Amino acid sequence: MIMQNDDFTDQVFYSPGAFDIKSQTKFAAIIVRTQVNPSDPEDINSVHQLQNNITVTRSEGTKVKDYKPVN
């Protein structure tokens, strides 16, 4: 799901694939949730594989500003 900087979730994806994410603001969070059976080691391994296959790319020409956290 995509959360805008005002905590508004406006895009939710339920199936695998490539998605073009639109943001109405300068900042957005990409949130990925997976469900796992913690008592099943095989399920945990399957979820780890799913998580390892998640990639995020930005469009060519997209400029990213330096982010400097404030202590």
C-alpha atoms as a PDB file:
ATOM      1  CA  MET A   1       0.000   0.000   0.000  1.00  0.00           C
ATOM      2  CA  ILE A   2       1.091   3.556  -0.590  1.00  0.00           C
ATOM      3  CA  MET A   3       0.756   6.055   2.234  1.00  0.00           C
ATOM      4  CA  GLN A   4       1.021   9.747   1.441  1.00  0.00           C
ATOM      5  CA  ASN A   5       2.734  12.125   3.861  1.00  0.00           C
ATOM      6  CA  ASP A   6      -0.587  13.041   5.486  1.00  0.00           C
ATOM      7  CA  ASP A   7      -1.193   9.380   6.530  1.00  0.00           C
ATOM      8  CA  PHE A   8      -3.687   8.915   3.694  1.00  0.00           C
ATOM      9  CA  THR A   9      -3.522   5.500   2.003  1.00  0.00           C
ATOM     10  CA  ASP A  10      -4.663   5.929  -1.575  1.00  0.00           C
ATOM     11  CA  GLN A  11      -3.254   2.896  -3.400  1.00  0.00           C
ATOM     12  CA  VAL A  12      -3.479  -0.761  -2.350  1.00  0.00           C
ATOM     13  CA  PHE A  13      -2.220  -3.687  -4.436  1.00  0.00           C
ATOM     14  CA  TYR A  14      -3.299  -7.267  -3.731  1.00  0.00           C
ATOM     15  CA  SER A  15      -1.651  -9.219  -6.525  1.00  0.00           C
ATOM     16  CA  PRO A  16       1.945  -9.578  -7.714  1.00  0.00           C
ATOM     17  CA  GLY A  17       3.116  -7.374 -10.539  1.00  0.00           C
ATOM     18  CA  ALA A  18       4.691  -4.061 -11.472  1.00  0.00           C
ATOM     19  CA  PHE A  19       2.800  -0.956 -10.460  1.00  0.00           C
ATOM     20  CA  ASP A  20       3.215   2.715 -11.315  1.00  0.00           C
ATOM     21  CA  ILE A  21       2.927   4.622  -8.057  1.00  0.00           C
ATOM     22  CA  LYS A  22       1.517   8.129  -8.184  1.00  0.00           C
ATOM     23  CA  SER A  23       2.190  10.515  -5.331  1.00  0.00           C
ATOM     24  CA  GLN A  24       0.354  13.779  -4.838  1.00  0.00           C
ATOM     25  CA  THR A  25       3.037  14.972  -2.424  1.00  0.00           C
ATOM     26  CA  LYS A  26       6.832  15.009  -2.215  1.00  0.00           C
ATOM     27  CA  PHE A  27       6.850  12.132   0.261  1.00  0.00           C
ATOM     28  CA  ALA A  28       5.196   8.722   0.279  1.00  0.00           C
ATOM     29  CA  ALA A  29       5.781   5.429   2.081  1.00  0.00           C
ATOM     30  CA  ILE A  30       5.652   2.019   0.458  1.00  0.00           C
ATOM     31  CA  ILE A  31       4.308  -0.491   2.982  1.00  0.00           C
ATOM     32  CA  VAL A  32       4.414  -4.231   2.334  1.00  0.00           C
ATOM     33  CA  ARG A  33       2.595  -6.650   4.620  1.00  0.00           C
ATOM     34  CA  THR A  34       2.921 -10.415   4.590  1.00  0.00           C
ATOM     35  CA  GLN A  35       1.095 -12.996   6.660  1.00  0.00           C
ATOM     36  CA  VAL A  36       3.061 -15.874   8.127  1.00  0.00           C
ATOM     37  CA  ASN A  37       2.437 -18.865  10.360  1.00  0.00           C
ATOM     38  CA  PRO A  38       5.237 -18.420  12.935  1.00  0.00           C
ATOM     39  CA  SER A  39       5.026 -22.053  14.036  1.00  0.00           C
ATOM     40  CA  ASP A  40       5.660 -23.375  10.500  1.00  0.00           C
ATOM     41  CA  PRO A  41       9.344 -23.102   9.448  1.00  0.00           C
ATOM     42  CA  GLU A  42       8.416 -23.872   5.831  1.00  0.00           C
ATOM     43  CA  ASP A  43       5.949 -20.975   5.793  1.00  0.00           C
ATOM     44  CA  ILE A  44       8.579 -18.670   7.262  1.00  0.00           C
ATOM     45  CA  ASN A  45      11.008 -19.652   4.491  1.00  0.00           C
ATOM     46  CA  SER A  46       8.323 -19.022   1.852  1.00  0.00           C
ATOM     47  CA  VAL A  47       7.631 -15.557   3.236  1.00  0.00           C
ATOM     48  CA  HIS A  48      11.359 -14.776   3.321  1.00  0.00           C
ATOM     49  CA  GLN A  49      11.533 -15.666  -0.388  1.00  0.00           C
ATOM     50  CA  LEU A  50       8.579 -13.393  -1.136  1.00  0.00           C
ATOM     51  CA  GLN A  51      10.181 -10.536   0.809  1.00  0.00           C
ATOM     52  CA  ASN A  52      13.502 -11.009  -0.981  1.00  0.00           C
ATOM     53  CA  ASN A  53      11.753 -10.623  -4.339  1.00  0.00           C
ATOM     54  CA  ILE A  54      10.292  -7.185  -3.577  1.00  0.00           C
ATOM     55  CA  THR A  55      11.989  -4.443  -5.571  1.00  0.00           C
ATOM     56  CA  VAL A  56      11.366  -0.732  -5.923  1.00  0.00           C
ATOM     57  CA  THR A  57      12.676   1.295  -8.845  1.00  0.00           C
ATOM     58  CA  ARG A  58      12.136   4.891  -9.806  1.00  0.00           C
ATOM     59  CA  SER A  59      11.508   6.302 -13.237  1.00  0.00           C
ATOM     60  CA  GLU A  60      14.509   7.414 -15.234  1.00  0.00           C
ATOM     61  CA  GLY A  61      15.149  11.088 -14.658  1.00  0.00           C
ATOM     62  CA  THR A  62      13.563  11.144 -11.205  1.00  0.00           C
ATOM     63  CA  LYS A  63      15.554  13.422  -8.939  1.00  0.00           C
ATOM     64  CA  VAL A  64      15.910  12.370  -5.326  1.00  0.00           C
ATOM     65  CA  LYS A  65      16.819  14.973  -2.740  1.00  0.00           C
ATOM     66  CA  ASP A  66      19.376  14.216  -0.042  1.00  0.00           C
ATOM     67  CA  TYR A  67      17.653  13.286   3.190  1.00  0.00           C
ATOM     68  CA  LYS A  68      19.436  14.323   6.329  1.00  0.00           C
ATOM     69  CA  PRO A  69      17.742  13.173   9.537  1.00  0.00           C
ATOM     70  CA  VAL A  70      17.667  15.570  12.463  1.00  0.00           C
ATOM     71  CA  ASN A  71      18.851  14.161  15.786  1.00  0.00           C
END
